C-alpha atoms as a PDB file:
ATOM      1  CA  MET A   1      98.488  78.350  87.070  1.00  0.00           C
ATOM      2  CA  GLY A   2      98.060  81.833  88.618  1.00  0.00           C
ATOM      3  CA  HIS A   3      99.852  83.475  91.476  1.00  0.00           C
ATOM      4  CA  THR A   4      98.725  82.407  94.971  1.00  0.00           C
ATOM      5  CA  GLU A   5      99.459  84.212  98.230  1.00  0.00           C
ATOM      6  CA  GLU A   6      98.775  82.810 101.695  1.00  0.00           C
ATOM      7  CA  PHE A   7      97.425  84.921 104.530  1.00  0.00           C
ATOM      8  CA  TYR A   8      96.575  83.884 108.102  1.00  0.00           C
ATOM      9  CA  TYR A   9      93.951  85.646 110.201  1.00  0.00           C
ATOM     10  CA  GLU A  10      92.964  85.156 113.833  1.00  0.00           C
ATOM     11  CA  PRO A  11      89.491  86.498 114.631  1.00  0.00           C
ATOM     12  CA  GLU A  12      89.046  89.370 117.037  1.00  0.00           C
ATOM     13  CA  ALA A  13      87.426  88.552 120.363  1.00  0.00           C
ATOM     14  CA  GLY A  14      83.657  88.595 119.940  1.00  0.00           C
ATOM     15  CA  ASP A  15      83.677  88.257 116.150  1.00  0.00           C
ATOM     16  CA  THR A  16      81.443  85.612 114.652  1.00  0.00           C
ATOM     17  CA  LEU A  17      83.172  83.169 112.332  1.00  0.00           C
ATOM     18  CA  SER A  18      81.351  84.608 109.305  1.00  0.00           C
ATOM     19  CA  VAL A  19      82.533  88.154 110.137  1.00  0.00           C
ATOM     20  CA  ALA A  20      86.055  86.807 110.642  1.00  0.00           C
ATOM     21  CA  VAL A  21      86.015  85.097 107.218  1.00  0.00           C
ATOM     22  CA  VAL A  22      84.830  88.286 105.507  1.00  0.00           C
ATOM     23  CA  SER A  23      87.504  90.270 107.376  1.00  0.00           C
ATOM     24  CA  ALA A  24      90.215  87.781 106.445  1.00  0.00           C
ATOM     25  CA  ILE A  25      89.306  87.807 102.756  1.00  0.00           C
ATOM     26  CA  ALA A  26      89.190  91.617 102.705  1.00  0.00           C
ATOM     27  CA  ALA A  27      92.579  91.840 104.425  1.00  0.00           C
ATOM     28  CA  ALA A  28      94.103  89.283 102.049  1.00  0.00           C
ATOM     29  CA  HIS A  29      92.911  91.366  99.095  1.00  0.00           C
ATOM     30  CA  ASP A  30      93.984  94.641 100.729  1.00  0.00           C
ATOM     31  CA  GLU A  31      90.376  95.873 100.628  1.00  0.00           C
ATOM     32  CA  GLU A  32      87.966  97.385 103.115  1.00  0.00           C
ATOM     33  CA  ILE A  33      85.125  95.051 104.064  1.00  0.00           C
ATOM     34  CA  ILE A  34      82.512  97.514 102.847  1.00  0.00           C
ATOM     35  CA  ASP A  35      84.213  97.778  99.427  1.00  0.00           C
ATOM     36  CA  GLN A  36      84.095  94.060  98.649  1.00  0.00           C
ATOM     37  CA  GLU A  37      81.807  93.029  95.809  1.00  0.00           C
ATOM     38  CA  TRP A  38      81.567  89.484  97.189  1.00  0.00           C
ATOM     39  CA  ARG A  39      78.893  88.890  99.825  1.00  0.00           C
ATOM     40  CA  ILE A  40      79.367  85.864 102.079  1.00  0.00           C
ATOM     41  CA  SER A  41      75.627  85.205 102.232  1.00  0.00           C
ATOM     42  CA  ASP A  42      75.569  84.584  98.465  1.00  0.00           C
ATOM     43  CA  ASP A  43      77.692  81.442  98.917  1.00  0.00           C
ATOM     44  CA  ILE A  44      77.594  80.360 102.553  1.00  0.00           C
ATOM     45  CA  ASN A  45      74.944  79.822 105.214  1.00  0.00           C
ATOM     46  CA  THR A  46      76.363  82.235 107.800  1.00  0.00           C
ATOM     47  CA  ASP A  47      74.248  80.852 110.654  1.00  0.00           C
ATOM     48  CA  ALA A  48      75.656  77.365 110.054  1.00  0.00           C
ATOM     49  CA  LEU A  49      79.204  78.725 109.770  1.00  0.00           C
ATOM     50  CA  ASP A  50      78.836  80.711 113.002  1.00  0.00           C
ATOM     51  CA  ALA A  51      77.477  77.640 114.803  1.00  0.00           C
ATOM     52  CA  LEU A  52      80.803  75.890 114.181  1.00  0.00           C
ATOM     53  CA  PHE A  53      82.464  78.529 116.363  1.00  0.00           C
ATOM     54  CA  GLN A  54      80.119  78.488 119.338  1.00  0.00           C
ATOM     55  CA  ASP A  55      82.002  78.605 122.620  1.00  0.00           C
ATOM     56  CA  HIS A  56      85.349  78.593 120.740  1.00  0.00           C
ATOM     57  CA  ASN A  57      85.018  74.855 120.407  1.00  0.00           C
ATOM     58  CA  LEU A  58      85.957  74.202 116.797  1.00  0.00           C
ATOM     59  CA  LYS A  59      86.951  70.558 116.319  1.00  0.00           C
ATOM     60  CA  MET A  60      87.296  70.256 112.557  1.00  0.00           C
ATOM     61  CA  THR A  61      88.909  71.705 109.484  1.00  0.00           C
ATOM     62  CA  LEU A  62      86.653  73.431 106.994  1.00  0.00           C
ATOM     63  CA  GLN A  63      87.689  74.492 103.486  1.00  0.00           C
ATOM     64  CA  PHE A  64      85.707  76.326 100.818  1.00  0.00           C
ATOM     65  CA  GLU A  65      86.147  78.594  97.793  1.00  0.00           C
ATOM     66  CA  ALA A  66      85.097  82.231  98.142  1.00  0.00           C
ATOM     67  CA  ASP A  67      85.864  85.406  96.158  1.00  0.00           C
ATOM     68  CA  THR A  68      88.878  84.061  94.242  1.00  0.00           C
ATOM     69  CA  THR A  69      90.270  82.522  97.423  1.00  0.00           C
ATOM     70  CA  THR A  70      90.482  79.206  99.142  1.00  0.00           C
ATOM     71  CA  ALA A  71      89.477  79.693 102.770  1.00  0.00           C
ATOM     72  CA  THR A  72      90.599  77.055 105.266  1.00  0.00           C
ATOM     73  CA  ILE A  73      89.489  77.249 108.879  1.00  0.00           C
ATOM     74  CA  ILE A  74      91.428  75.178 111.392  1.00  0.00           C
ATOM     75  CA  ALA A  75      91.397  75.095 115.171  1.00  0.00           C
ATOM     76  CA  ASP A  76      94.296  75.976 117.417  1.00  0.00           C
ATOM     77  CA  LYS A  77      95.011  73.842 120.490  1.00  0.00           C
ATOM     78  CA  ASN A  78      92.280  75.684 122.427  1.00  0.00           C
ATOM     79  CA  GLY A  79      89.598  75.156 119.778  1.00  0.00           C
ATOM     80  CA  ASN A  80      89.789  78.738 118.492  1.00  0.00           C
ATOM     81  CA  PRO A  81      89.647  79.221 114.720  1.00  0.00           C
ATOM     82  CA  ILE A  82      92.572  80.308 112.598  1.00  0.00           C
ATOM     83  CA  ILE A  83      91.642  81.289 109.060  1.00  0.00           C
ATOM     84  CA  LYS A  84      94.051  80.646 106.214  1.00  0.00           C
ATOM     85  CA  ILE A  85      93.295  82.483 102.992  1.00  0.00           C
ATOM     86  CA  GLU A  86      94.953  81.534  99.715  1.00  0.00           C
ATOM     87  CA  SER A  87      94.292  84.433  97.364  1.00  0.00           C
ATOM     88  CA  HIS A  88      94.245  83.499  93.682  1.00  0.00           C
ATOM     89  CA  ARG A  89      94.139  87.074  92.370  1.00  0.00           C
END
């Protein structure tokens, strides 16, 4: 099994959940967002993902594979998302 590193990311105020996921994956890989080869829209319906974050009212855990990572989105006690990235690079 390969090396895995964990990284936690809290979205900036005003960021959509899809932008936050892209930002978290870029940060976990020590890359600039614009330099990533992976495009979120190739794998994920960004409108549906963003809808989960409306009014900071996330009430579930969501996990998916993206760009050699496992992305897990959980809610803090206020319903705000915290993104955990497990990088498998």
